[in-house]
Amino acid sequence: MANLAPSSNAPGLHVSKPSPSEPATASAVCHCGASASAKGDTQVGALVAGWNANHGSAHGK
């Protein structure tokens, strides 16, 4: 399987939740240089909300 982790060469958002009993994890790298990571369902939800509001396609608005 390919490495799906975002990097400065391949910006994006990656979320993983291997099973319902394990915590979610996420990492994000934006083309503007911002990066973040999170572990736990609540923290991952906050990272995704921040990404959607401030990075990724939000830069095109």
N, C-alpha and C. Protein backbone atom coordinates (compact mmCIF):
# COMPACT_ATOMS: atom_id res chain seq x y z
N MET A 1 0.85 -1.18 0.00
CA MET A 1 0.00 0.00 0.00
C MET A 1 0.89 1.24 0.00
N ALA A 2 0.49 2.23 -0.73
CA ALA A 2 1.24 3.48 -0.82
C ALA A 2 1.16 4.25 0.49
N ASN A 3 2.18 5.06 0.74
CA ASN A 3 2.17 5.93 1.91
C ASN A 3 1.17 7.05 1.65
N LEU A 4 0.15 7.15 2.46
CA LEU A 4 -0.89 8.15 2.27
C LEU A 4 -0.68 9.40 3.12
N ALA A 5 0.40 9.44 3.89
CA ALA A 5 0.67 10.59 4.75
C ALA A 5 0.96 11.82 3.89
N PRO A 6 0.32 12.95 4.19
CA PRO A 6 0.60 14.16 3.43
C PRO A 6 2.01 14.69 3.72
N SER A 7 2.56 15.41 2.76
CA SER A 7 3.89 16.00 2.92
C SER A 7 3.90 17.33 2.17
N SER A 8 5.01 18.05 2.27
CA SER A 8 5.10 19.33 1.56
C SER A 8 5.06 19.12 0.05
N ASN A 9 5.50 17.96 -0.41
CA ASN A 9 5.44 17.64 -1.84
C ASN A 9 4.07 17.12 -2.25
N ALA A 10 3.31 16.63 -1.31
CA ALA A 10 1.97 16.09 -1.58
C ALA A 10 1.04 16.51 -0.45
N PRO A 11 0.64 17.81 -0.42
CA PRO A 11 -0.21 18.30 0.67
C PRO A 11 -1.57 17.61 0.68
N GLY A 12 -2.18 17.60 1.85
CA GLY A 12 -3.51 17.02 1.97
C GLY A 12 -3.83 16.68 3.41
N LEU A 13 -4.91 15.95 3.56
CA LEU A 13 -5.42 15.54 4.87
C LEU A 13 -5.57 14.03 4.86
N HIS A 14 -5.05 13.35 5.88
CA HIS A 14 -5.20 11.90 5.98
C HIS A 14 -5.78 11.57 7.34
N VAL A 15 -6.87 10.81 7.34
CA VAL A 15 -7.53 10.38 8.58
C VAL A 15 -7.58 8.86 8.57
N SER A 16 -7.31 8.25 9.71
CA SER A 16 -7.36 6.80 9.84
C SER A 16 -8.07 6.40 11.13
N LYS A 17 -8.90 5.37 11.03
CA LYS A 17 -9.55 4.79 12.20
C LYS A 17 -9.65 3.29 11.92
N PRO A 18 -8.60 2.55 12.31
CA PRO A 18 -8.52 1.13 11.96
C PRO A 18 -9.69 0.27 12.43
N SER A 19 -10.26 0.62 13.57
CA SER A 19 -11.41 -0.14 14.07
C SER A 19 -12.22 0.77 14.99
N PRO A 20 -13.48 0.43 15.23
CA PRO A 20 -14.32 1.26 16.10
C PRO A 20 -13.78 1.41 17.53
N SER A 21 -12.98 0.44 17.97
CA SER A 21 -12.47 0.51 19.34
C SER A 21 -11.14 1.24 19.46
N GLU A 22 -10.54 1.63 18.34
CA GLU A 22 -9.27 2.36 18.37
C GLU A 22 -9.51 3.84 18.10
N PRO A 23 -8.65 4.71 18.66
CA PRO A 23 -8.82 6.14 18.40
C PRO A 23 -8.43 6.49 16.97
N ALA A 24 -9.09 7.48 16.43
CA ALA A 24 -8.74 8.00 15.11
C ALA A 24 -7.42 8.75 15.19
N THR A 25 -6.70 8.80 14.08
CA THR A 25 -5.51 9.62 13.96
C THR A 25 -5.61 10.42 12.67
N ALA A 26 -4.96 11.55 12.61
CA ALA A 26 -4.99 12.37 11.40
C ALA A 26 -3.72 13.18 11.29
N SER A 27 -3.36 13.48 10.06
CA SER A 27 -2.26 14.40 9.79
C SER A 27 -2.65 15.25 8.59
N ALA A 28 -2.17 16.47 8.58
CA ALA A 28 -2.49 17.40 7.50
C ALA A 28 -1.29 18.27 7.20
N VAL A 29 -1.07 18.53 5.92
CA VAL A 29 -0.05 19.46 5.46
C VAL A 29 -0.70 20.27 4.35
N CYS A 30 -0.65 21.59 4.48
CA CYS A 30 -1.26 22.48 3.49
C CYS A 30 -0.16 23.05 2.58
N HIS A 31 -0.54 23.40 1.37
CA HIS A 31 0.43 24.01 0.45
C HIS A 31 0.92 25.37 0.96
N CYS A 32 0.23 25.97 1.95
CA CYS A 32 0.68 27.24 2.52
C CYS A 32 1.78 27.04 3.56
N GLY A 33 2.08 25.77 3.90
CA GLY A 33 3.13 25.47 4.86
C GLY A 33 2.64 25.03 6.23
N ALA A 34 1.37 25.20 6.52
CA ALA A 34 0.81 24.78 7.81
C ALA A 34 0.76 23.25 7.87
N SER A 35 0.98 22.71 9.07
CA SER A 35 0.85 21.26 9.28
C SER A 35 0.31 21.00 10.67
N ALA A 36 -0.32 19.85 10.83
CA ALA A 36 -0.88 19.48 12.13
C ALA A 36 -1.09 17.97 12.17
N SER A 37 -1.18 17.44 13.38
CA SER A 37 -1.54 16.04 13.57
C SER A 37 -2.42 15.95 14.82
N ALA A 38 -3.19 14.87 14.88
CA ALA A 38 -4.10 14.69 16.01
C ALA A 38 -4.32 13.21 16.27
N LYS A 39 -4.61 12.89 17.52
CA LYS A 39 -4.96 11.52 17.90
C LYS A 39 -6.16 11.59 18.83
N GLY A 40 -7.14 10.76 18.58
CA GLY A 40 -8.36 10.74 19.36
C GLY A 40 -9.50 11.31 18.52
N ASP A 41 -10.66 10.74 18.67
CA ASP A 41 -11.79 11.11 17.83
C ASP A 41 -12.15 12.60 17.91
N THR A 42 -12.15 13.15 19.10
CA THR A 42 -12.51 14.56 19.27
C THR A 42 -11.46 15.47 18.64
N GLN A 43 -10.19 15.18 18.89
CA GLN A 43 -9.12 16.00 18.34
C GLN A 43 -9.05 15.90 16.82
N VAL A 44 -9.28 14.71 16.29
CA VAL A 44 -9.29 14.53 14.84
C VAL A 44 -10.46 15.31 14.22
N GLY A 45 -11.61 15.28 14.87
CA GLY A 45 -12.75 16.06 14.39
C GLY A 45 -12.43 17.54 14.33
N ALA A 46 -11.73 18.04 15.34
CA ALA A 46 -11.34 19.45 15.36
C ALA A 46 -10.33 19.76 14.26
N LEU A 47 -9.38 18.85 14.03
CA LEU A 47 -8.40 19.06 12.97
C LEU A 47 -9.10 19.11 11.61
N VAL A 48 -10.02 18.21 11.36
CA VAL A 48 -10.75 18.19 10.09
C VAL A 48 -11.56 19.47 9.92
N ALA A 49 -12.23 19.91 10.97
CA ALA A 49 -13.02 21.14 10.89
C ALA A 49 -12.12 22.34 10.59
N GLY A 50 -10.96 22.41 11.23
CA GLY A 50 -10.02 23.49 10.98
C GLY A 50 -9.46 23.44 9.56
N TRP A 51 -9.18 22.25 9.08
CA TRP A 51 -8.70 22.08 7.71
C TRP A 51 -9.75 22.58 6.72
N ASN A 52 -10.98 22.16 6.92
CA ASN A 52 -12.05 22.56 6.01
C ASN A 52 -12.29 24.07 6.04
N ALA A 53 -12.14 24.69 7.18
CA ALA A 53 -12.41 26.12 7.31
C ALA A 53 -11.24 26.99 6.84
N ASN A 54 -10.00 26.49 6.98
CA ASN A 54 -8.85 27.36 6.79
C ASN A 54 -7.81 26.89 5.77
N HIS A 55 -7.87 25.67 5.32
CA HIS A 55 -6.84 25.13 4.44
C HIS A 55 -7.46 24.34 3.31
N GLY A 56 -6.63 23.67 2.54
CA GLY A 56 -7.12 22.89 1.42
C GLY A 56 -7.91 23.75 0.46
N SER A 57 -9.11 23.35 0.16
CA SER A 57 -9.93 24.10 -0.81
C SER A 57 -10.36 25.47 -0.28
N ALA A 58 -10.25 25.70 1.04
CA ALA A 58 -10.62 27.01 1.60
C ALA A 58 -9.73 28.12 1.05
N HIS A 59 -8.51 27.79 0.63
CA HIS A 59 -7.60 28.78 0.06
C HIS A 59 -8.11 29.29 -1.28
N GLY A 60 -8.96 28.52 -1.94
CA GLY A 60 -9.49 28.93 -3.24
C GLY A 60 -10.69 29.83 -3.15
N LYS A 61 -11.18 30.09 -1.92
CA LYS A 61 -12.38 30.91 -1.75
C LYS A 61 -12.06 32.38 -1.80
